[in-house]
Amino acid sequence: MSVKLDLYNIFCEVAKQQSFSRAAKRLYMTQPAISQAIMNLEKELDIRLFTRTSKGVTLTNEGELLFEHVNSAINLIHVGEKNFLKPKV
């Protein structure tokens, strides 16, 4: 499951940045690694998540629907982590 969570995290960052290159910089990864991760996720889900253009990427209809769910889930994980990472007094 953690591998898929990594793929979903990459997917969300690409969607937010609308660019594989910008997402790679934000995630401290290479652009080819980002492209490969997205290709793997698309293959696993058997859907196209992004429309690629010379100016970047945009979500497909299926990609937008997935983004809504995955982004919400990742945000919930971050909120849960914050509850455990409170500063110690």
PDB file of N, CA and C in Angstrom:
ATOM      1  N   MET A   1       0.820  -1.211   0.000  1.00  0.00           N
ATOM      2  CA  MET A   1       0.000   0.000   0.000  1.00  0.00           C
ATOM      3  C   MET A   1       0.853   1.259   0.000  1.00  0.00           C
ATOM      4  N   SER A   2       2.008   1.237   0.635  1.00  0.00           N
ATOM      5  CA  SER A   2       2.812   2.451   0.710  1.00  0.00           C
ATOM      6  C   SER A   2       3.324   2.883  -0.661  1.00  0.00           C
ATOM      7  N   VAL A   3       3.560   1.920  -1.549  1.00  0.00           N
ATOM      8  CA  VAL A   3       3.991   2.282  -2.898  1.00  0.00           C
ATOM      9  C   VAL A   3       2.879   3.039  -3.607  1.00  0.00           C
ATOM     10  N   LYS A   4       1.657   2.566  -3.475  1.00  0.00           N
ATOM     11  CA  LYS A   4       0.532   3.243  -4.111  1.00  0.00           C
ATOM     12  C   LYS A   4       0.323   4.618  -3.491  1.00  0.00           C
ATOM     13  N   LEU A   5       0.531   4.737  -2.186  1.00  0.00           N
ATOM     14  CA  LEU A   5       0.406   6.035  -1.534  1.00  0.00           C
ATOM     15  C   LEU A   5       1.434   7.006  -2.110  1.00  0.00           C
ATOM     16  N   ASP A   6       2.636   6.535  -2.355  1.00  0.00           N
ATOM     17  CA  ASP A   6       3.659   7.370  -2.994  1.00  0.00           C
ATOM     18  C   ASP A   6       3.211   7.810  -4.385  1.00  0.00           C
ATOM     19  N   LEU A   7       2.625   6.896  -5.139  1.00  0.00           N
ATOM     20  CA  LEU A   7       2.143   7.238  -6.479  1.00  0.00           C
ATOM     21  C   LEU A   7       1.032   8.280  -6.397  1.00  0.00           C
ATOM     22  N   TYR A   8       0.142   8.126  -5.449  1.00  0.00           N
ATOM     23  CA  TYR A   8      -0.945   9.092  -5.294  1.00  0.00           C
ATOM     24  C   TYR A   8      -0.422  10.460  -4.861  1.00  0.00           C
ATOM     25  N   ASN A   9       0.592  10.472  -4.031  1.00  0.00           N
ATOM     26  CA  ASN A   9       1.212  11.734  -3.623  1.00  0.00           C
ATOM     27  C   ASN A   9       1.834  12.439  -4.833  1.00  0.00           C
ATOM     28  N   ILE A  10       2.515  11.680  -5.664  1.00  0.00           N
ATOM     29  CA  ILE A  10       3.101  12.238  -6.893  1.00  0.00           C
ATOM     30  C   ILE A  10       1.994  12.745  -7.806  1.00  0.00           C
ATOM     31  N   PHE A  11       0.947  11.942  -7.972  1.00  0.00           N
ATOM     32  CA  PHE A  11      -0.200  12.330  -8.800  1.00  0.00           C
ATOM     33  C   PHE A  11      -0.780  13.668  -8.338  1.00  0.00           C
ATOM     34  N   CYS A  12      -0.982  13.822  -7.032  1.00  0.00           N
ATOM     35  CA  CYS A  12      -1.549  15.064  -6.505  1.00  0.00           C
ATOM     36  C   CYS A  12      -0.633  16.252  -6.765  1.00  0.00           C
ATOM     37  N   GLU A  13       0.653  16.063  -6.606  1.00  0.00           N
ATOM     38  CA  GLU A  13       1.582  17.175  -6.820  1.00  0.00           C
ATOM     39  C   GLU A  13       1.626  17.578  -8.293  1.00  0.00           C
ATOM     40  N   VAL A  14       1.608  16.618  -9.188  1.00  0.00           N
ATOM     41  CA  VAL A  14       1.570  16.941 -10.621  1.00  0.00           C
ATOM     42  C   VAL A  14       0.284  17.696 -10.944  1.00  0.00           C
ATOM     43  N   ALA A  15      -0.827  17.250 -10.385  1.00  0.00           N
ATOM     44  CA  ALA A  15      -2.105  17.917 -10.634  1.00  0.00           C
ATOM     45  C   ALA A  15      -2.069  19.357 -10.122  1.00  0.00           C
ATOM     46  N   LYS A  16      -1.530  19.561  -8.935  1.00  0.00           N
ATOM     47  CA  LYS A  16      -1.460  20.908  -8.366  1.00  0.00           C
ATOM     48  C   LYS A  16      -0.523  21.808  -9.156  1.00  0.00           C
ATOM     49  N   GLN A  17       0.611  21.274  -9.577  1.00  0.00           N
ATOM     50  CA  GLN A  17       1.610  22.065 -10.287  1.00  0.00           C
ATOM     51  C   GLN A  17       1.314  22.179 -11.785  1.00  0.00           C
ATOM     52  N   GLN A  18       0.479  21.302 -12.295  1.00  0.00           N
ATOM     53  CA  GLN A  18       0.160  21.223 -13.724  1.00  0.00           C
ATOM     54  C   GLN A  18       1.424  21.076 -14.568  1.00  0.00           C
ATOM     55  N   SER A  19       2.390  20.367 -14.002  1.00  0.00           N
ATOM     56  CA  SER A  19       3.676  20.193 -14.678  1.00  0.00           C
ATOM     57  C   SER A  19       4.450  19.059 -14.021  1.00  0.00           C
ATOM     58  N   PHE A  20       4.988  18.152 -14.840  1.00  0.00           N
ATOM     59  CA  PHE A  20       5.839  17.093 -14.311  1.00  0.00           C
ATOM     60  C   PHE A  20       7.133  17.691 -13.760  1.00  0.00           C
ATOM     61  N   SER A  21       7.687  18.665 -14.457  1.00  0.00           N
ATOM     62  CA  SER A  21       8.960  19.262 -14.035  1.00  0.00           C
ATOM     63  C   SER A  21       8.833  20.006 -12.714  1.00  0.00           C
ATOM     64  N   ARG A  22       7.794  20.815 -12.568  1.00  0.00           N
ATOM     65  CA  ARG A  22       7.605  21.548 -11.311  1.00  0.00           C
ATOM     66  C   ARG A  22       7.310  20.589 -10.155  1.00  0.00           C
ATOM     67  N   ALA A  23       6.534  19.553 -10.425  1.00  0.00           N
ATOM     68  CA  ALA A  23       6.262  18.554  -9.388  1.00  0.00           C
ATOM     69  C   ALA A  23       7.552  17.853  -8.982  1.00  0.00           C
ATOM     70  N   ALA A  24       8.393  17.554  -9.949  1.00  0.00           N
ATOM     71  CA  ALA A  24       9.675  16.902  -9.654  1.00  0.00           C
ATOM     72  C   ALA A  24      10.518  17.768  -8.726  1.00  0.00           C
ATOM     73  N   LYS A  25      10.567  19.054  -8.998  1.00  0.00           N
ATOM     74  CA  LYS A  25      11.342  19.964  -8.139  1.00  0.00           C
ATOM     75  C   LYS A  25      10.768  19.998  -6.728  1.00  0.00           C
ATOM     76  N   ARG A  26       9.455  20.070  -6.611  1.00  0.00           N
ATOM     77  CA  ARG A  26       8.820  20.141  -5.287  1.00  0.00           C
ATOM     78  C   ARG A  26       9.009  18.858  -4.489  1.00  0.00           C
ATOM     79  N   LEU A  27       9.078  17.728  -5.197  1.00  0.00           N
ATOM     80  CA  LEU A  27       9.208  16.435  -4.527  1.00  0.00           C
ATOM     81  C   LEU A  27      10.657  15.947  -4.458  1.00  0.00           C
ATOM     82  N   TYR A  28      11.588  16.759  -4.946  1.00  0.00           N
ATOM     83  CA  TYR A  28      13.014  16.399  -4.965  1.00  0.00           C
ATOM     84  C   TYR A  28      13.246  15.084  -5.705  1.00  0.00           C
ATOM     85  N   MET A  29      12.614  15.006  -6.879  1.00  0.00           N
ATOM     86  CA  MET A  29      12.743  13.836  -7.741  1.00  0.00           C
ATOM     87  C   MET A  29      13.141  14.315  -9.131  1.00  0.00           C
ATOM     88  N   THR A  30      13.473  13.378  -9.987  1.00  0.00           N
ATOM     89  CA  THR A  30      13.757  13.738 -11.372  1.00  0.00           C
ATOM     90  C   THR A  30      12.453  13.731 -12.160  1.00  0.00           C
ATOM     91  N   GLN A  31      12.441  14.485 -13.251  1.00  0.00           N
ATOM     92  CA  GLN A  31      11.254  14.532 -14.101  1.00  0.00           C
ATOM     93  C   GLN A  31      10.958  13.149 -14.705  1.00  0.00           C
ATOM     94  N   PRO A  32      11.985  12.395 -15.159  1.00  0.00           N
ATOM     95  CA  PRO A  32      11.674  11.053 -15.673  1.00  0.00           C
ATOM     96  C   PRO A  32      11.057  10.134 -14.613  1.00  0.00           C
ATOM     97  N   ALA A  33      11.473  10.277 -13.353  1.00  0.00           N
ATOM     98  CA  ALA A  33      10.890   9.452 -12.287  1.00  0.00           C
ATOM     99  C   ALA A  33       9.420   9.809 -12.077  1.00  0.00           C
ATOM    100  N   ILE A  34       9.100  11.083 -12.179  1.00  0.00           N
ATOM    101  CA  ILE A  34       7.702  11.525 -12.057  1.00  0.00           C
ATOM    102  C   ILE A  34       6.880  10.964 -13.212  1.00  0.00           C
ATOM    103  N   SER A  35       7.404  11.080 -14.416  1.00  0.00           N
ATOM    104  CA  SER A  35       6.699  10.563 -15.596  1.00  0.00           C
ATOM    105  C   SER A  35       6.454   9.066 -15.470  1.00  0.00           C
ATOM    106  N   GLN A  36       7.456   8.334 -15.012  1.00  0.00           N
ATOM    107  CA  GLN A  36       7.326   6.883 -14.860  1.00  0.00           C
ATOM    108  C   GLN A  36       6.283   6.543 -13.803  1.00  0.00           C
ATOM    109  N   ALA A  37       6.278   7.281 -12.705  1.00  0.00           N
ATOM    110  CA  ALA A  37       5.300   7.035 -11.647  1.00  0.00           C
ATOM    111  C   ALA A  37       3.880   7.253 -12.157  1.00  0.00           C
ATOM    112  N   ILE A  38       3.674   8.324 -12.905  1.00  0.00           N
ATOM    113  CA  ILE A  38       2.340   8.604 -13.442  1.00  0.00           C
ATOM    114  C   ILE A  38       1.941   7.529 -14.451  1.00  0.00           C
ATOM    115  N   MET A  39       2.870   7.121 -15.281  1.00  0.00           N
ATOM    116  CA  MET A  39       2.580   6.046 -16.246  1.00  0.00           C
ATOM    117  C   MET A  39       2.207   4.756 -15.512  1.00  0.00           C
ATOM    118  N   ASN A  40       2.914   4.442 -14.427  1.00  0.00           N
ATOM    119  CA  ASN A  40       2.609   3.238 -13.651  1.00  0.00           C
ATOM    120  C   ASN A  40       1.218   3.322 -13.033  1.00  0.00           C
ATOM    121  N   LEU A  41       0.873   4.488 -12.485  1.00  0.00           N
ATOM    122  CA  LEU A  41      -0.445   4.649 -11.885  1.00  0.00           C
ATOM    123  C   LEU A  41      -1.539   4.549 -12.947  1.00  0.00           C
ATOM    124  N   GLU A  42      -1.324   5.187 -14.091  1.00  0.00           N
ATOM    125  CA  GLU A  42      -2.307   5.105 -15.178  1.00  0.00           C
ATOM    126  C   GLU A  42      -2.480   3.664 -15.646  1.00  0.00           C
ATOM    127  N   LYS A  43      -1.387   2.946 -15.733  1.00  0.00           N
ATOM    128  CA  LYS A  43      -1.461   1.543 -16.168  1.00  0.00           C
ATOM    129  C   LYS A  43      -2.200   0.702 -15.134  1.00  0.00           C
ATOM    130  N   GLU A  44      -1.887   0.911 -13.856  1.00  0.00           N
ATOM    131  CA  GLU A  44      -2.530   0.139 -12.794  1.00  0.00           C
ATOM    132  C   GLU A  44      -4.029   0.400 -12.730  1.00  0.00           C
ATOM    133  N   LEU A  45      -4.425   1.664 -12.912  1.00  0.00           N
ATOM    134  CA  LEU A  45      -5.840   2.028 -12.853  1.00  0.00           C
ATOM    135  C   LEU A  45      -6.557   1.858 -14.190  1.00  0.00           C
ATOM    136  N   ASP A  46      -5.772   1.672 -15.239  1.00  0.00           N
ATOM    137  CA  ASP A  46      -6.287   1.525 -16.604  1.00  0.00           C
ATOM    138  C   ASP A  46      -7.125   2.731 -17.037  1.00  0.00           C
ATOM    139  N   ILE A  47      -6.629   3.924 -16.683  1.00  0.00           N
ATOM    140  CA  ILE A  47      -7.251   5.171 -17.136  1.00  0.00           C
ATOM    141  C   ILE A  47      -6.156   6.187 -17.429  1.00  0.00           C
ATOM    142  N   ARG A  48      -6.488   7.144 -18.248  1.00  0.00           N
ATOM    143  CA  ARG A  48      -5.581   8.259 -18.521  1.00  0.00           C
ATOM    144  C   ARG A  48      -5.915   9.359 -17.524  1.00  0.00           C
ATOM    145  N   LEU A  49      -4.904   9.810 -16.779  1.00  0.00           N
ATOM    146  CA  LEU A  49      -5.131  10.806 -15.739  1.00  0.00           C
ATOM    147  C   LEU A  49      -4.871  12.227 -16.205  1.00  0.00           C
ATOM    148  N   PHE A  50      -3.954  12.390 -17.146  1.00  0.00           N
ATOM    149  CA  PHE A  50      -3.556  13.721 -17.599  1.00  0.00           C
ATOM    150  C   PHE A  50      -3.586  13.809 -19.113  1.00  0.00           C
ATOM    151  N   THR A  51      -3.882  15.012 -19.593  1.00  0.00           N
ATOM    152  CA  THR A  51      -3.685  15.352 -20.995  1.00  0.00           C
ATOM    153  C   THR A  51      -2.375  16.127 -21.045  1.00  0.00           C
ATOM    154  N   ARG A  52      -1.441  15.634 -21.820  1.00  0.00           N
ATOM    155  CA  ARG A  52      -0.130  16.264 -21.907  1.00  0.00           C
ATOM    156  C   ARG A  52      -0.103  17.238 -23.073  1.00  0.00           C
ATOM    157  N   THR A  53       0.419  18.439 -22.811  1.00  0.00           N
ATOM    158  CA  THR A  53       0.592  19.444 -23.855  1.00  0.00           C
ATOM    159  C   THR A  53       2.005  19.995 -23.748  1.00  0.00           C
ATOM    160  N   SER A  54       2.380  20.833 -24.684  1.00  0.00           N
ATOM    161  CA  SER A  54       3.716  21.440 -24.642  1.00  0.00           C
ATOM    162  C   SER A  54       3.837  22.427 -23.480  1.00  0.00           C
ATOM    163  N   LYS A  55       2.717  22.888 -22.946  1.00  0.00           N
ATOM    164  CA  LYS A  55       2.737  23.863 -21.844  1.00  0.00           C
ATOM    165  C   LYS A  55       2.548  23.224 -20.478  1.00  0.00           C
ATOM    166  N   GLY A  56       2.399  21.917 -20.421  1.00  0.00           N
ATOM    167  CA  GLY A  56       2.217  21.235 -19.149  1.00  0.00           C
ATOM    168  C   GLY A  56       1.172  20.146 -19.262  1.00  0.00           C
ATOM    169  N   VAL A  57       0.491  19.891 -18.166  1.00  0.00           N
ATOM    170  CA  VAL A  57      -0.529  18.843 -18.142  1.00  0.00           C
ATOM    171  C   VAL A  57      -1.805  19.375 -17.503  1.00  0.00           C
ATOM    172  N   THR A  58      -2.912  18.801 -17.920  1.00  0.00           N
ATOM    173  CA  THR A  58      -4.201  19.080 -17.292  1.00  0.00           C
ATOM    174  C   THR A  58      -4.851  17.746 -16.977  1.00  0.00           C
ATOM    175  N   LEU A  59      -5.668  17.741 -15.951  1.00  0.00           N
ATOM    176  CA  LEU A  59      -6.368  16.522 -15.570  1.00  0.00           C
ATOM    177  C   LEU A  59      -7.455  16.175 -16.578  1.00  0.00           C
ATOM    178  N   THR A  60      -7.584  14.894 -16.852  1.00  0.00           N
ATOM    179  CA  THR A  60      -8.728  14.415 -17.626  1.00  0.00           C
ATOM    180  C   THR A  60      -9.938  14.420 -16.688  1.00  0.00           C
ATOM    181  N   ASN A  61     -11.108  14.118 -17.206  1.00  0.00           N
ATOM    182  CA  ASN A  61     -12.293  14.031 -16.346  1.00  0.00           C
ATOM    183  C   ASN A  61     -12.099  12.976 -15.256  1.00  0.00           C
ATOM    184  N   GLU A  62     -11.544  11.825 -15.650  1.00  0.00           N
ATOM    185  CA  GLU A  62     -11.282  10.762 -14.675  1.00  0.00           C
ATOM    186  C   GLU A  62     -10.226  11.211 -13.668  1.00  0.00           C
ATOM    187  N   GLY A  63      -9.215  11.937 -14.159  1.00  0.00           N
ATOM    188  CA  GLY A  63      -8.166  12.450 -13.290  1.00  0.00           C
ATOM    189  C   GLY A  63      -8.706  13.439 -12.271  1.00  0.00           C
ATOM    190  N   GLU A  64      -9.625  14.291 -12.698  1.00  0.00           N
ATOM    191  CA  GLU A  64     -10.227  15.262 -11.764  1.00  0.00           C
ATOM    192  C   GLU A  64     -11.006  14.555 -10.659  1.00  0.00           C
ATOM    193  N   LEU A  65     -11.750  13.539 -11.031  1.00  0.00           N
ATOM    194  CA  LEU A  65     -12.522  12.787 -10.042  1.00  0.00           C
ATOM    195  C   LEU A  65     -11.590  12.091  -9.049  1.00  0.00           C
ATOM    196  N   LEU A  66     -10.546  11.451  -9.566  1.00  0.00           N
ATOM    197  CA  LEU A  66      -9.585  10.788  -8.692  1.00  0.00           C
ATOM    198  C   LEU A  66      -8.881  11.799  -7.796  1.00  0.00           C
ATOM    199  N   PHE A  67      -8.511  12.958  -8.355  1.00  0.00           N
ATOM    200  CA  PHE A  67      -7.824  13.982  -7.572  1.00  0.00           C
ATOM    201  C   PHE A  67      -8.656  14.429  -6.375  1.00  0.00           C
ATOM    202  N   GLU A  68      -9.953  14.617  -6.575  1.00  0.00           N
ATOM    203  CA  GLU A  68     -10.821  15.038  -5.469  1.00  0.00           C
ATOM    204  C   GLU A  68     -10.734  14.064  -4.302  1.00  0.00           C
ATOM    205  N   HIS A  69     -10.780  12.783  -4.600  1.00  0.00           N
ATOM    206  CA  HIS A  69     -10.744  11.763  -3.553  1.00  0.00           C
ATOM    207  C   HIS A  69      -9.357  11.634  -2.934  1.00  0.00           C
ATOM    208  N   VAL A  70      -8.347  11.548  -3.780  1.00  0.00           N
ATOM    209  CA  VAL A  70      -6.989  11.325  -3.285  1.00  0.00           C
ATOM    210  C   VAL A  70      -6.480  12.535  -2.513  1.00  0.00           C
ATOM    211  N   ASN A  71      -6.733  13.726  -3.016  1.00  0.00           N
ATOM    212  CA  ASN A  71      -6.277  14.925  -2.328  1.00  0.00           C
ATOM    213  C   ASN A  71      -6.931  15.039  -0.947  1.00  0.00           C
ATOM    214  N   SER A  72      -8.222  14.730  -0.855  1.00  0.00           N
ATOM    215  CA  SER A  72      -8.913  14.742   0.434  1.00  0.00           C
ATOM    216  C   SER A  72      -8.290  13.727   1.387  1.00  0.00           C
ATOM    217  N   ALA A  73      -7.994  12.545   0.870  1.00  0.00           N
ATOM    218  CA  ALA A  73      -7.411  11.495   1.712  1.00  0.00           C
ATOM    219  C   ALA A  73      -6.022  11.899   2.212  1.00  0.00           C
ATOM    220  N   ILE A  74      -5.213  12.466   1.348  1.00  0.00           N
ATOM    221  CA  ILE A  74      -3.873  12.894   1.751  1.00  0.00           C
ATOM    222  C   ILE A  74      -3.966  14.012   2.784  1.00  0.00           C
ATOM    223  N   ASN A  75      -4.899  14.928   2.594  1.00  0.00           N
ATOM    224  CA  ASN A  75      -5.088  15.993   3.585  1.00  0.00           C
ATOM    225  C   ASN A  75      -5.498  15.417   4.938  1.00  0.00           C
ATOM    226  N   LEU A  76      -6.359  14.415   4.939  1.00  0.00           N
ATOM    227  CA  LEU A  76      -6.762  13.776   6.194  1.00  0.00           C
ATOM    228  C   LEU A  76      -5.584  13.102   6.883  1.00  0.00           C
ATOM    229  N   ILE A  77      -4.711  12.487   6.114  1.00  0.00           N
ATOM    230  CA  ILE A  77      -3.512  11.861   6.675  1.00  0.00           C
ATOM    231  C   ILE A  77      -2.642  12.924   7.341  1.00  0.00           C
ATOM    232  N   HIS A  78      -2.459  14.062   6.676  1.00  0.00           N
ATOM    233  CA  HIS A  78      -1.642  15.137   7.251  1.00  0.00           C
ATOM    234  C   HIS A  78      -2.255  15.674   8.551  1.00  0.00           C
ATOM    235  N   VAL A  79      -3.571  15.810   8.585  1.00  0.00           N
ATOM    236  CA  VAL A  79      -4.244  16.271   9.798  1.00  0.00           C
ATOM    237  C   VAL A  79      -4.035  15.256  10.922  1.00  0.00           C
ATOM    238  N   GLY A  80      -4.181  13.987  10.600  1.00  0.00           N
ATOM    239  CA  GLY A  80      -3.964  12.949  11.602  1.00  0.00           C
ATOM    240  C   GLY A  80      -2.541  12.954  12.141  1.00  0.00           C
ATOM    241  N   GLU A  81      -1.568  13.138  11.257  1.00  0.00           N
ATOM    242  CA  GLU A  81      -0.170  13.197  11.694  1.00  0.00           C
ATOM    243  C   GLU A  81       0.064  14.379  12.625  1.00  0.00           C
ATOM    244  N   LYS A  82      -0.546  15.517  12.321  1.00  0.00           N
ATOM    245  CA  LYS A  82      -0.359  16.701  13.154  1.00  0.00           C
ATOM    246  C   LYS A  82      -0.831  16.453  14.586  1.00  0.00           C
ATOM    247  N   ASN A  83      -1.863  15.639  14.745  1.00  0.00           N
ATOM    248  CA  ASN A  83      -2.357  15.320  16.086  1.00  0.00           C
ATOM    249  C   ASN A  83      -1.322  14.581  16.911  1.00  0.00           C
ATOM    250  N   PHE A  84      -0.457  13.832  16.262  1.00  0.00           N
ATOM    251  CA  PHE A  84       0.566  13.087  16.972  1.00  0.00           C
ATOM    252  C   PHE A  84       1.881  13.804  17.044  1.00  0.00           C
ATOM    253  N   LEU A  85       2.055  14.837  16.270  1.00  0.00           N
ATOM    254  CA  LEU A  85       3.325  15.555  16.206  1.00  0.00           C
ATOM    255  C   LEU A  85       3.274  16.874  16.949  1.00  0.00           C
ATOM    256  N   LYS A  86       2.432  16.966  17.947  1.00  0.00           N
ATOM    257  CA  LYS A  86       2.358  18.197  18.733  1.00  0.00           C
ATOM    258  C   LYS A  86       3.673  18.392  19.472  1.00  0.00           C
ATOM    259  N   PRO A  87       4.099  19.643  19.634  1.00  0.00           N
ATOM    260  CA  PRO A  87       5.353  19.910  20.351  1.00  0.00           C
ATOM    261  C   PRO A  87       5.277  19.388  21.778  1.00  0.00           C
ATOM    262  N   LYS A  88       6.375  18.799  22.223  1.00  0.00           N
ATOM    263  CA  LYS A  88       6.431  18.270  23.582  1.00  0.00           C
ATOM    264  C   LYS A  88       6.839  19.386  24.528  1.00  0.00           C
ATOM    265  N   VAL A  89       6.149  19.470  25.643  1.00  0.00           N
ATOM    266  CA  VAL A  89       6.391  20.533  26.617  1.00  0.00           C
ATOM    267  C   VAL A  89       7.338  20.069  27.683  1.00  0.00           C
TER     268      VAL A  89
END
